[in-house]
Amino acid sequence: QVQLVESGGGLVQPGGSLRLSCVASGITFSIFAMGWYRQAPGKQREWVAGISTGGITNYENSVKGRFTISRDNAKNTVYLQMNSLKPEDTAVYYCNGANVWGQGTQVTVSS
């Protein structure tokens, strides 16, 4: 059974940092590109960042320079390091790979 499990969300003040993790099971993780998405209240889910099997990364414009996606194939894990967080980054964050979604982890940026 393919499963993606996110963790690392929480409440953080503006300007703070969080690192999200997504652990995959049931797949050969290294052969899949992975991505992070987010969905804010009342809005559609949007793509945030992606990483290829070879480690090439891409970012949505609003997070460039603040977020970093990375992967550790030995641990079947993809990460999203989020720095300089803003209130508009508040959302449920999901990872995706192999056409599978995780359950999401809530990130709230508020003072």
PDB file of N, CA and C in Angstrom:
ATOM      1  N   GLN A   1       0.852  -1.193   0.000  1.00  0.00           N
ATOM      2  CA  GLN A   1       0.000   0.000   0.000  1.00  0.00           C
ATOM      3  C   GLN A   1       0.892   1.250   0.000  1.00  0.00           C
ATOM      4  N   VAL A   2       0.647   2.127  -0.972  1.00  0.00           N
ATOM      5  CA  VAL A   2       1.432   3.349  -1.072  1.00  0.00           C
ATOM      6  C   VAL A   2       0.899   4.367  -0.068  1.00  0.00           C
ATOM      7  N   GLN A   3       1.819   4.987   0.659  1.00  0.00           N
ATOM      8  CA  GLN A   3       1.406   5.948   1.665  1.00  0.00           C
ATOM      9  C   GLN A   3       2.433   7.063   1.771  1.00  0.00           C
ATOM     10  N   LEU A   4       1.932   8.289   1.909  1.00  0.00           N
ATOM     11  CA  LEU A   4       2.768   9.458   2.175  1.00  0.00           C
ATOM     12  C   LEU A   4       2.287  10.079   3.478  1.00  0.00           C
ATOM     13  N   VAL A   5       3.204  10.335   4.394  1.00  0.00           N
ATOM     14  CA  VAL A   5       2.837  10.882   5.698  1.00  0.00           C
ATOM     15  C   VAL A   5       3.657  12.142   5.963  1.00  0.00           C
ATOM     16  N   GLU A   6       2.942  13.272   6.061  1.00  0.00           N
ATOM     17  CA  GLU A   6       3.595  14.545   6.334  1.00  0.00           C
ATOM     18  C   GLU A   6       3.666  14.824   7.828  1.00  0.00           C
ATOM     19  N   SER A   7       4.636  15.614   8.220  1.00  0.00           N
ATOM     20  CA  SER A   7       4.760  16.069   9.597  1.00  0.00           C
ATOM     21  C   SER A   7       5.555  17.362   9.612  1.00  0.00           C
ATOM     22  N   GLY A   8       5.562  18.027  10.777  1.00  0.00           N
ATOM     23  CA  GLY A   8       6.380  19.213  10.943  1.00  0.00           C
ATOM     24  C   GLY A   8       5.630  20.524  10.939  1.00  0.00           C
ATOM     25  N   GLY A   9       4.334  20.488  10.691  1.00  0.00           N
ATOM     26  CA  GLY A   9       3.565  21.710  10.705  1.00  0.00           C
ATOM     27  C   GLY A   9       3.390  22.244  12.117  1.00  0.00           C
ATOM     28  N   GLY A  10       2.806  23.436  12.200  1.00  0.00           N
ATOM     29  CA  GLY A  10       2.568  24.032  13.501  1.00  0.00           C
ATOM     30  C   GLY A  10       2.270  25.505  13.395  1.00  0.00           C
ATOM     31  N   LEU A  11       2.287  26.159  14.553  1.00  0.00           N
ATOM     32  CA  LEU A  11       2.050  27.596  14.642  1.00  0.00           C
ATOM     33  C   LEU A  11       3.397  28.299  14.784  1.00  0.00           C
ATOM     34  N   VAL A  12       3.624  29.299  13.956  1.00  0.00           N
ATOM     35  CA  VAL A  12       4.890  30.024  13.984  1.00  0.00           C
ATOM     36  C   VAL A  12       4.605  31.499  13.760  1.00  0.00           C
ATOM     37  N   GLN A  13       5.443  32.355  14.334  1.00  0.00           N
ATOM     38  CA  GLN A  13       5.286  33.788  14.149  1.00  0.00           C
ATOM     39  C   GLN A  13       5.814  34.216  12.787  1.00  0.00           C
ATOM     40  N   PRO A  14       5.315  35.310  12.256  1.00  0.00           N
ATOM     41  CA  PRO A  14       5.866  35.833  11.007  1.00  0.00           C
ATOM     42  C   PRO A  14       7.378  36.002  11.107  1.00  0.00           C
ATOM     43  N   GLY A  15       8.062  35.608  10.044  1.00  0.00           N
ATOM     44  CA  GLY A  15       9.519  35.639  10.039  1.00  0.00           C
ATOM     45  C   GLY A  15      10.170  34.370  10.540  1.00  0.00           C
ATOM     46  N   GLY A  16       9.377  33.471  11.082  1.00  0.00           N
ATOM     47  CA  GLY A  16       9.903  32.226  11.622  1.00  0.00           C
ATOM     48  C   GLY A  16      10.120  31.164  10.568  1.00  0.00           C
ATOM     49  N   SER A  17      10.525  29.979  11.041  1.00  0.00           N
ATOM     50  CA  SER A  17      10.854  28.877  10.138  1.00  0.00           C
ATOM     51  C   SER A  17      10.193  27.591  10.602  1.00  0.00           C
ATOM     52  N   LEU A  18       9.941  26.728   9.651  1.00  0.00           N
ATOM     53  CA  LEU A  18       9.481  25.370   9.911  1.00  0.00           C
ATOM     54  C   LEU A  18      10.100  24.454   8.865  1.00  0.00           C
ATOM     55  N   ARG A  19      10.276  23.188   9.216  1.00  0.00           N
ATOM     56  CA  ARG A  19      10.689  22.189   8.239  1.00  0.00           C
ATOM     57  C   ARG A  19       9.651  21.076   8.205  1.00  0.00           C
ATOM     58  N   LEU A  20       9.063  20.902   7.047  1.00  0.00           N
ATOM     59  CA  LEU A  20       8.099  19.829   6.842  1.00  0.00           C
ATOM     60  C   LEU A  20       8.820  18.595   6.311  1.00  0.00           C
ATOM     61  N   SER A  21       8.312  17.442   6.706  1.00  0.00           N
ATOM     62  CA  SER A  21       8.834  16.171   6.211  1.00  0.00           C
ATOM     63  C   SER A  21       7.703  15.350   5.631  1.00  0.00           C
ATOM     64  N   CYS A  22       8.017  14.544   4.659  1.00  0.00           N
ATOM     65  CA  CYS A  22       7.035  13.632   4.060  1.00  0.00           C
ATOM     66  C   CYS A  22       7.738  12.304   3.829  1.00  0.00           C
ATOM     67  N   VAL A  23       7.295  11.291   4.554  1.00  0.00           N
ATOM     68  CA  VAL A  23       7.884   9.961   4.455  1.00  0.00           C
ATOM     69  C   VAL A  23       7.003   9.083   3.576  1.00  0.00           C
ATOM     70  N   ALA A  24       7.625   8.451   2.601  1.00  0.00           N
ATOM     71  CA  ALA A  24       6.908   7.581   1.675  1.00  0.00           C
ATOM     72  C   ALA A  24       7.132   6.113   2.016  1.00  0.00           C
ATOM     73  N   SER A  25       6.093   5.321   1.813  1.00  0.00           N
ATOM     74  CA  SER A  25       6.215   3.878   1.971  1.00  0.00           C
ATOM     75  C   SER A  25       5.423   3.193   0.872  1.00  0.00           C
ATOM     76  N   GLY A  26       5.843   1.994   0.525  1.00  0.00           N
ATOM     77  CA  GLY A  26       5.132   1.236  -0.487  1.00  0.00           C
ATOM     78  C   GLY A  26       5.489   1.578  -1.916  1.00  0.00           C
ATOM     79  N   ILE A  27       6.485   2.442  -2.098  1.00  0.00           N
ATOM     80  CA  ILE A  27       6.921   2.795  -3.448  1.00  0.00           C
ATOM     81  C   ILE A  27       8.447   2.786  -3.497  1.00  0.00           C
ATOM     82  N   THR A  28       8.968   2.691  -4.712  1.00  0.00           N
ATOM     83  CA  THR A  28      10.404   2.875  -4.907  1.00  0.00           C
ATOM     84  C   THR A  28      10.628   4.376  -5.008  1.00  0.00           C
ATOM     85  N   PHE A  29      10.856   4.998  -3.876  1.00  0.00           N
ATOM     86  CA  PHE A  29      10.823   6.451  -3.747  1.00  0.00           C
ATOM     87  C   PHE A  29      11.747   7.141  -4.743  1.00  0.00           C
ATOM     88  N   SER A  30      12.923   6.571  -4.958  1.00  0.00           N
ATOM     89  CA  SER A  30      13.948   7.268  -5.735  1.00  0.00           C
ATOM     90  C   SER A  30      13.579   7.479  -7.197  1.00  0.00           C
ATOM     91  N   ILE A  31      12.601   6.763  -7.717  1.00  0.00           N
ATOM     92  CA  ILE A  31      12.275   6.882  -9.132  1.00  0.00           C
ATOM     93  C   ILE A  31      11.134   7.862  -9.401  1.00  0.00           C
ATOM     94  N   PHE A  32      10.653   8.524  -8.350  1.00  0.00           N
ATOM     95  CA  PHE A  32       9.539   9.448  -8.496  1.00  0.00           C
ATOM     96  C   PHE A  32       9.938  10.882  -8.187  1.00  0.00           C
ATOM     97  N   ALA A  33       9.493  11.808  -9.064  1.00  0.00           N
ATOM     98  CA  ALA A  33       9.543  13.211  -8.702  1.00  0.00           C
ATOM     99  C   ALA A  33       8.543  13.444  -7.571  1.00  0.00           C
ATOM    100  N   MET A  34       8.860  14.406  -6.710  1.00  0.00           N
ATOM    101  CA  MET A  34       8.008  14.699  -5.572  1.00  0.00           C
ATOM    102  C   MET A  34       7.667  16.185  -5.545  1.00  0.00           C
ATOM    103  N   GLY A  35       6.541  16.499  -4.954  1.00  0.00           N
ATOM    104  CA  GLY A  35       6.141  17.893  -4.875  1.00  0.00           C
ATOM    105  C   GLY A  35       5.449  18.219  -3.571  1.00  0.00           C
ATOM    106  N   TRP A  36       5.487  19.498  -3.244  1.00  0.00           N
ATOM    107  CA  TRP A  36       4.719  20.035  -2.119  1.00  0.00           C
ATOM    108  C   TRP A  36       3.656  20.976  -2.675  1.00  0.00           C
ATOM    109  N   TYR A  37       2.466  20.881  -2.100  1.00  0.00           N
ATOM    110  CA  TYR A  37       1.340  21.716  -2.462  1.00  0.00           C
ATOM    111  C   TYR A  37       0.768  22.305  -1.168  1.00  0.00           C
ATOM    112  N   ARG A  38      -0.084  23.306  -1.308  1.00  0.00           N
ATOM    113  CA  ARG A  38      -0.763  23.853  -0.128  1.00  0.00           C
ATOM    114  C   ARG A  38      -2.164  24.314  -0.505  1.00  0.00           C
ATOM    115  N   GLN A  39      -3.012  24.315   0.504  1.00  0.00           N
ATOM    116  CA  GLN A  39      -4.382  24.763   0.307  1.00  0.00           C
ATOM    117  C   GLN A  39      -4.776  25.635   1.496  1.00  0.00           C
ATOM    118  N   ALA A  40      -5.014  26.905   1.193  1.00  0.00           N
ATOM    119  CA  ALA A  40      -5.465  27.853   2.211  1.00  0.00           C
ATOM    120  C   ALA A  40      -6.990  27.802   2.299  1.00  0.00           C
ATOM    121  N   PRO A  41      -7.545  28.234   3.410  1.00  0.00           N
ATOM    122  CA  PRO A  41      -9.008  28.213   3.570  1.00  0.00           C
ATOM    123  C   PRO A  41      -9.698  28.981   2.448  1.00  0.00           C
ATOM    124  N   GLY A  42     -10.665  28.355   1.831  1.00  0.00           N
ATOM    125  CA  GLY A  42     -11.436  29.000   0.781  1.00  0.00           C
ATOM    126  C   GLY A  42     -10.742  29.103  -0.558  1.00  0.00           C
ATOM    127  N   LYS A  43      -9.562  28.508  -0.673  1.00  0.00           N
ATOM    128  CA  LYS A  43      -8.806  28.593  -1.929  1.00  0.00           C
ATOM    129  C   LYS A  43      -8.529  27.199  -2.484  1.00  0.00           C
ATOM    130  N   GLN A  44      -8.171  27.176  -3.765  1.00  0.00           N
ATOM    131  CA  GLN A  44      -7.818  25.904  -4.384  1.00  0.00           C
ATOM    132  C   GLN A  44      -6.411  25.478  -3.959  1.00  0.00           C
ATOM    133  N   ARG A  45      -6.178  24.196  -4.035  1.00  0.00           N
ATOM    134  CA  ARG A  45      -4.848  23.673  -3.758  1.00  0.00           C
ATOM    135  C   ARG A  45      -3.886  24.180  -4.830  1.00  0.00           C
ATOM    136  N   GLU A  46      -2.702  24.613  -4.409  1.00  0.00           N
ATOM    137  CA  GLU A  46      -1.728  25.138  -5.350  1.00  0.00           C
ATOM    138  C   GLU A  46      -0.376  24.469  -5.152  1.00  0.00           C
ATOM    139  N   TRP A  47       0.342  24.376  -6.251  1.00  0.00           N
ATOM    140  CA  TRP A  47       1.692  23.806  -6.223  1.00  0.00           C
ATOM    141  C   TRP A  47       2.637  24.811  -5.588  1.00  0.00           C
ATOM    142  N   VAL A  48       3.578  24.290  -4.774  1.00  0.00           N
ATOM    143  CA  VAL A  48       4.533  25.136  -4.078  1.00  0.00           C
ATOM    144  C   VAL A  48       5.963  24.891  -4.561  1.00  0.00           C
ATOM    145  N   ALA A  49       6.335  23.613  -4.630  1.00  0.00           N
ATOM    146  CA  ALA A  49       7.720  23.291  -4.990  1.00  0.00           C
ATOM    147  C   ALA A  49       7.779  21.854  -5.478  1.00  0.00           C
ATOM    148  N   GLY A  50       8.761  21.573  -6.326  1.00  0.00           N
ATOM    149  CA  GLY A  50       8.945  20.222  -6.829  1.00  0.00           C
ATOM    150  C   GLY A  50      10.410  19.866  -6.918  1.00  0.00           C
ATOM    151  N   ILE A  51      10.684  18.563  -6.858  1.00  0.00           N
ATOM    152  CA  ILE A  51      12.058  18.090  -6.982  1.00  0.00           C
ATOM    153  C   ILE A  51      12.049  16.844  -7.848  1.00  0.00           C
ATOM    154  N   SER A  52      12.944  16.814  -8.819  1.00  0.00           N
ATOM    155  CA  SER A  52      13.014  15.682  -9.730  1.00  0.00           C
ATOM    156  C   SER A  52      13.780  14.530  -9.099  1.00  0.00           C
ATOM    157  N   THR A  53      13.818  13.417  -9.805  1.00  0.00           N
ATOM    158  CA  THR A  53      14.590  12.273  -9.312  1.00  0.00           C
ATOM    159  C   THR A  53      16.070  12.609  -9.218  1.00  0.00           C
ATOM    160  N   GLY A  54      16.524  13.519 -10.065  1.00  0.00           N
ATOM    161  CA  GLY A  54      17.927  13.912 -10.056  1.00  0.00           C
ATOM    162  C   GLY A  54      18.238  15.090  -9.153  1.00  0.00           C
ATOM    163  N   GLY A  55      17.226  15.573  -8.430  1.00  0.00           N
ATOM    164  CA  GLY A  55      17.456  16.656  -7.482  1.00  0.00           C
ATOM    165  C   GLY A  55      17.262  18.058  -8.035  1.00  0.00           C
ATOM    166  N   ILE A  56      16.737  18.170  -9.253  1.00  0.00           N
ATOM    167  CA  ILE A  56      16.456  19.500  -9.801  1.00  0.00           C
ATOM    168  C   ILE A  56      15.198  20.037  -9.134  1.00  0.00           C
ATOM    169  N   THR A  57      15.271  21.289  -8.687  1.00  0.00           N
ATOM    170  CA  THR A  57      14.175  21.881  -7.930  1.00  0.00           C
ATOM    171  C   THR A  57      13.525  23.034  -8.683  1.00  0.00           C
ATOM    172  N   ASN A  58      12.245  23.230  -8.382  1.00  0.00           N
ATOM    173  CA  ASN A  58      11.484  24.352  -8.936  1.00  0.00           C
ATOM    174  C   ASN A  58      10.556  24.875  -7.857  1.00  0.00           C
ATOM    175  N   TYR A  59      10.255  26.183  -7.928  1.00  0.00           N
ATOM    176  CA  TYR A  59       9.457  26.819  -6.899  1.00  0.00           C
ATOM    177  C   TYR A  59       8.418  27.755  -7.485  1.00  0.00           C
ATOM    178  N   GLU A  60       7.293  27.834  -6.808  1.00  0.00           N
ATOM    179  CA  GLU A  60       6.304  28.851  -7.122  1.00  0.00           C
ATOM    180  C   GLU A  60       6.911  30.208  -6.778  1.00  0.00           C
ATOM    181  N   ASN A  61       6.560  31.224  -7.528  1.00  0.00           N
ATOM    182  CA  ASN A  61       7.263  32.503  -7.410  1.00  0.00           C
ATOM    183  C   ASN A  61       7.223  33.100  -6.013  1.00  0.00           C
ATOM    184  N   SER A  62       6.106  32.959  -5.325  1.00  0.00           N
ATOM    185  CA  SER A  62       5.970  33.632  -4.030  1.00  0.00           C
ATOM    186  C   SER A  62       6.848  33.006  -2.943  1.00  0.00           C
ATOM    187  N   VAL A  63       7.369  31.813  -3.167  1.00  0.00           N
ATOM    188  CA  VAL A  63       8.196  31.169  -2.143  1.00  0.00           C
ATOM    189  C   VAL A  63       9.666  31.091  -2.533  1.00  0.00           C
ATOM    190  N   LYS A  64       9.992  31.517  -3.741  1.00  0.00           N
ATOM    191  CA  LYS A  64      11.392  31.480  -4.168  1.00  0.00           C
ATOM    192  C   LYS A  64      12.259  32.302  -3.230  1.00  0.00           C
ATOM    193  N   GLY A  65      13.395  31.714  -2.851  1.00  0.00           N
ATOM    194  CA  GLY A  65      14.309  32.401  -1.942  1.00  0.00           C
ATOM    195  C   GLY A  65      13.965  32.223  -0.480  1.00  0.00           C
ATOM    196  N   ARG A  66      12.789  31.685  -0.184  1.00  0.00           N
ATOM    197  CA  ARG A  66      12.378  31.464   1.209  1.00  0.00           C
ATOM    198  C   ARG A  66      12.230  29.983   1.535  1.00  0.00           C
ATOM    199  N   PHE A  67      11.759  29.203   0.576  1.00  0.00           N
ATOM    200  CA  PHE A  67      11.519  27.765   0.779  1.00  0.00           C
ATOM    201  C   PHE A  67      12.573  26.963   0.028  1.00  0.00           C
ATOM    202  N   THR A  68      12.930  25.815   0.595  1.00  0.00           N
ATOM    203  CA  THR A  68      13.862  24.903  -0.056  1.00  0.00           C
ATOM    204  C   THR A  68      13.324  23.481   0.037  1.00  0.00           C
ATOM    205  N   ILE A  69      13.175  22.854  -1.121  1.00  0.00           N
ATOM    206  CA  ILE A  69      12.758  21.449  -1.158  1.00  0.00           C
ATOM    207  C   ILE A  69      14.006  20.582  -1.325  1.00  0.00           C
ATOM    208  N   SER A  70      14.004  19.441  -0.645  1.00  0.00           N
ATOM    209  CA  SER A  70      15.124  18.513  -0.761  1.00  0.00           C
ATOM    210  C   SER A  70      14.598  17.097  -0.547  1.00  0.00           C
ATOM    211  N   ARG A  71      15.433  16.124  -0.872  1.00  0.00           N
ATOM    212  CA  ARG A  71      15.016  14.741  -0.688  1.00  0.00           C
ATOM    213  C   ARG A  71      16.181  13.905  -0.193  1.00  0.00           C
ATOM    214  N   ASP A  72      15.842  12.864   0.554  1.00  0.00           N
ATOM    215  CA  ASP A  72      16.818  11.889   1.034  1.00  0.00           C
ATOM    216  C   ASP A  72      16.283  10.525   0.627  1.00  0.00           C
ATOM    217  N   ASN A  73      16.810  10.000  -0.464  1.00  0.00           N
ATOM    218  CA  ASN A  73      16.287   8.740  -0.987  1.00  0.00           C
ATOM    219  C   ASN A  73      16.545   7.567  -0.038  1.00  0.00           C
ATOM    220  N   ALA A  74      17.605   7.645   0.746  1.00  0.00           N
ATOM    221  CA  ALA A  74      17.895   6.575   1.698  1.00  0.00           C
ATOM    222  C   ALA A  74      16.841   6.498   2.795  1.00  0.00           C
ATOM    223  N   LYS A  75      16.186   7.639   3.042  1.00  0.00           N
ATOM    224  CA  LYS A  75      15.152   7.692   4.083  1.00  0.00           C
ATOM    225  C   LYS A  75      13.742   7.781   3.511  1.00  0.00           C
ATOM    226  N   ASN A  76      13.638   7.689   2.175  1.00  0.00           N
ATOM    227  CA  ASN A  76      12.316   7.797   1.520  1.00  0.00           C
ATOM    228  C   ASN A  76      11.577   9.054   1.952  1.00  0.00           C
ATOM    229  N   THR A  77      12.294  10.145   2.060  1.00  0.00           N
ATOM    230  CA  THR A  77      11.732  11.364   2.635  1.00  0.00           C
ATOM    231  C   THR A  77      12.010  12.576   1.757  1.00  0.00           C
ATOM    232  N   VAL A  78      10.994  13.418   1.639  1.00  0.00           N
ATOM    233  CA  VAL A  78      11.149  14.717   0.998  1.00  0.00           C
ATOM    234  C   VAL A  78      10.858  15.787   2.050  1.00  0.00           C
ATOM    235  N   TYR A  79      11.635  16.862   1.998  1.00  0.00           N
ATOM    236  CA  TYR A  79      11.535  17.925   2.989  1.00  0.00           C
ATOM    237  C   TYR A  79      11.135  19.237   2.331  1.00  0.00           C
ATOM    238  N   LEU A  80      10.567  20.123   3.142  1.00  0.00           N
ATOM    239  CA  LEU A  80      10.340  21.494   2.709  1.00  0.00           C
ATOM    240  C   LEU A  80      10.773  22.402   3.861  1.00  0.00           C
ATOM    241  N   GLN A  81      11.916  23.047   3.686  1.00  0.00           N
ATOM    242  CA  GLN A  81      12.400  24.017   4.658  1.00  0.00           C
ATOM    243  C   GLN A  81      11.779  25.359   4.320  1.00  0.00           C
ATOM    244  N   MET A  82      11.071  25.927   5.272  1.00  0.00           N
ATOM    245  CA  MET A  82      10.355  27.182   5.045  1.00  0.00           C
ATOM    246  C   MET A  82      10.911  28.243   5.988  1.00  0.00           C
ATOM    247  N   ASN A  83      11.486  29.264   5.419  1.00  0.00           N
ATOM    248  CA  ASN A  83      12.049  30.374   6.183  1.00  0.00           C
ATOM    249  C   ASN A  83      11.296  31.665   5.876  1.00  0.00           C
ATOM    250  N   SER A  84      11.492  32.659   6.723  1.00  0.00           N
ATOM    251  CA  SER A  84      10.857  33.970   6.521  1.00  0.00           C
ATOM    252  C   SER A  84       9.368  33.823   6.246  1.00  0.00           C
ATOM    253  N   LEU A  85       8.718  33.038   7.065  1.00  0.00           N
ATOM    254  CA  LEU A  85       7.301  32.738   6.839  1.00  0.00           C
ATOM    255  C   LEU A  85       6.439  33.975   6.998  1.00  0.00           C
ATOM    256  N   LYS A  86       5.380  34.017   6.187  1.00  0.00           N
ATOM    257  CA  LYS A  86       4.450  35.133   6.158  1.00  0.00           C
ATOM    258  C   LYS A  86       3.046  34.625   6.487  1.00  0.00           C
ATOM    259  N   PRO A  87       2.162  35.489   6.965  1.00  0.00           N
ATOM    260  CA  PRO A  87       0.791  35.048   7.239  1.00  0.00           C
ATOM    261  C   PRO A  87       0.121  34.418   6.024  1.00  0.00           C
ATOM    262  N   GLU A  88       0.455  34.886   4.832  1.00  0.00           N
ATOM    263  CA  GLU A  88      -0.147  34.322   3.622  1.00  0.00           C
ATOM    264  C   GLU A  88       0.361  32.926   3.283  1.00  0.00           C
ATOM    265  N   ASP A  89       1.359  32.436   4.026  1.00  0.00           N
ATOM    266  CA  ASP A  89       1.799  31.046   3.864  1.00  0.00           C
ATOM    267  C   ASP A  89       0.932  30.074   4.665  1.00  0.00           C
ATOM    268  N   THR A  90       0.016  30.603   5.456  1.00  0.00           N
ATOM    269  CA  THR A  90      -0.873  29.749   6.245  1.00  0.00           C
ATOM    270  C   THR A  90      -1.720  28.869   5.330  1.00  0.00           C
ATOM    271  N   ALA A  91      -1.660  27.572   5.558  1.00  0.00           N
ATOM    272  CA  ALA A  91      -2.363  26.609   4.718  1.00  0.00           C
ATOM    273  C   ALA A  91      -2.125  25.204   5.256  1.00  0.00           C
ATOM    274  N   VAL A  92      -2.866  24.270   4.706  1.00  0.00           N
ATOM    275  CA  VAL A  92      -2.533  22.857   4.891  1.00  0.00           C
ATOM    276  C   VAL A  92      -1.569  22.484   3.768  1.00  0.00           C
ATOM    277  N   TYR A  93      -0.448  21.912   4.142  1.00  0.00           N
ATOM    278  CA  TYR A  93       0.589  21.543   3.184  1.00  0.00           C
ATOM    279  C   TYR A  93       0.538  20.034   2.935  1.00  0.00           C
ATOM    280  N   TYR A  94       0.578  19.680   1.653  1.00  0.00           N
ATOM    281  CA  TYR A  94       0.494  18.286   1.228  1.00  0.00           C
ATOM    282  C   TYR A  94       1.710  17.919   0.392  1.00  0.00           C
ATOM    283  N   CYS A  95       2.177  16.695   0.525  1.00  0.00           N
ATOM    284  CA  CYS A  95       3.162  16.216  -0.437  1.00  0.00           C
ATOM    285  C   CYS A  95       2.482  15.266  -1.411  1.00  0.00           C
ATOM    286  N   ASN A  96       3.104  15.157  -2.575  1.00  0.00           N
ATOM    287  CA  ASN A  96       2.539  14.346  -3.655  1.00  0.00           C
ATOM    288  C   ASN A  96       3.657  13.665  -4.407  1.00  0.00           C
ATOM    289  N   GLY A  97       3.395  12.413  -4.751  1.00  0.00           N
ATOM    290  CA  GLY A  97       4.331  11.674  -5.576  1.00  0.00           C
ATOM    291  C   GLY A  97       3.685  10.364  -5.976  1.00  0.00           C
ATOM    292  N   ALA A  98       4.040   9.865  -7.133  1.00  0.00           N
ATOM    293  CA  ALA A  98       3.461   8.610  -7.619  1.00  0.00           C
ATOM    294  C   ALA A  98       1.945   8.672  -7.641  1.00  0.00           C
ATOM    295  N   ASN A  99       1.406   9.854  -7.911  1.00  0.00           N
ATOM    296  CA  ASN A  99      -0.045  10.063  -7.967  1.00  0.00           C
ATOM    297  C   ASN A  99      -0.728   9.789  -6.628  1.00  0.00           C
ATOM    298  N   VAL A 100       0.005   9.938  -5.560  1.00  0.00           N
ATOM    299  CA  VAL A 100      -0.535   9.723  -4.219  1.00  0.00           C
ATOM    300  C   VAL A 100      -0.388  11.017  -3.418  1.00  0.00           C
ATOM    301  N   TRP A 101      -1.406  11.309  -2.600  1.00  0.00           N
ATOM    302  CA  TRP A 101      -1.376  12.466  -1.718  1.00  0.00           C
ATOM    303  C   TRP A 101      -1.223  12.032  -0.275  1.00  0.00           C
ATOM    304  N   GLY A 102      -0.505  12.834   0.502  1.00  0.00           N
ATOM    305  CA  GLY A 102      -0.498  12.639   1.931  1.00  0.00           C
ATOM    306  C   GLY A 102      -1.750  13.247   2.547  1.00  0.00           C
ATOM    307  N   GLN A 103      -1.842  13.152   3.867  1.00  0.00           N
ATOM    308  CA  GLN A 103      -3.024  13.648   4.569  1.00  0.00           C
ATOM    309  C   GLN A 103      -2.931  15.131   4.881  1.00  0.00           C
ATOM    310  N   GLY A 104      -1.755  15.694   4.754  1.00  0.00           N
ATOM    311  CA  GLY A 104      -1.569  17.117   4.982  1.00  0.00           C
ATOM    312  C   GLY A 104      -1.115  17.440   6.384  1.00  0.00           C
ATOM    313  N   THR A 105      -0.454  18.591   6.509  1.00  0.00           N
ATOM    314  CA  THR A 105      -0.028  19.096   7.808  1.00  0.00           C
ATOM    315  C   THR A 105      -0.294  20.600   7.837  1.00  0.00           C
ATOM    316  N   GLN A 106      -0.878  21.061   8.923  1.00  0.00           N
ATOM    317  CA  GLN A 106      -1.310  22.459   9.021  1.00  0.00           C
ATOM    318  C   GLN A 106      -0.125  23.363   9.380  1.00  0.00           C
ATOM    319  N   VAL A 107       0.009  24.430   8.630  1.00  0.00           N
ATOM    320  CA  VAL A 107       0.985  25.477   8.935  1.00  0.00           C
ATOM    321  C   VAL A 107       0.216  26.771   9.157  1.00  0.00           C
ATOM    322  N   THR A 108       0.406  27.370  10.319  1.00  0.00           N
ATOM    323  CA  THR A 108      -0.253  28.625  10.642  1.00  0.00           C
ATOM    324  C   THR A 108       0.804  29.652  11.014  1.00  0.00           C
ATOM    325  N   VAL A 109       0.791  30.760  10.287  1.00  0.00           N
ATOM    326  CA  VAL A 109       1.750  31.843  10.540  1.00  0.00           C
ATOM    327  C   VAL A 109       0.965  33.026  11.094  1.00  0.00           C
ATOM    328  N   SER A 110       1.192  33.304  12.367  1.00  0.00           N
ATOM    329  CA  SER A 110       0.412  34.342  13.023  1.00  0.00           C
ATOM    330  C   SER A 110       1.144  34.833  14.249  1.00  0.00           C
ATOM    331  N   SER A 111       0.955  36.122  14.550  1.00  0.00           N
ATOM    332  CA  SER A 111       1.534  36.668  15.765  1.00  0.00           C
ATOM    333  C   SER A 111       0.527  36.608  16.900  1.00  0.00           C
TER     334      SER A 111
END
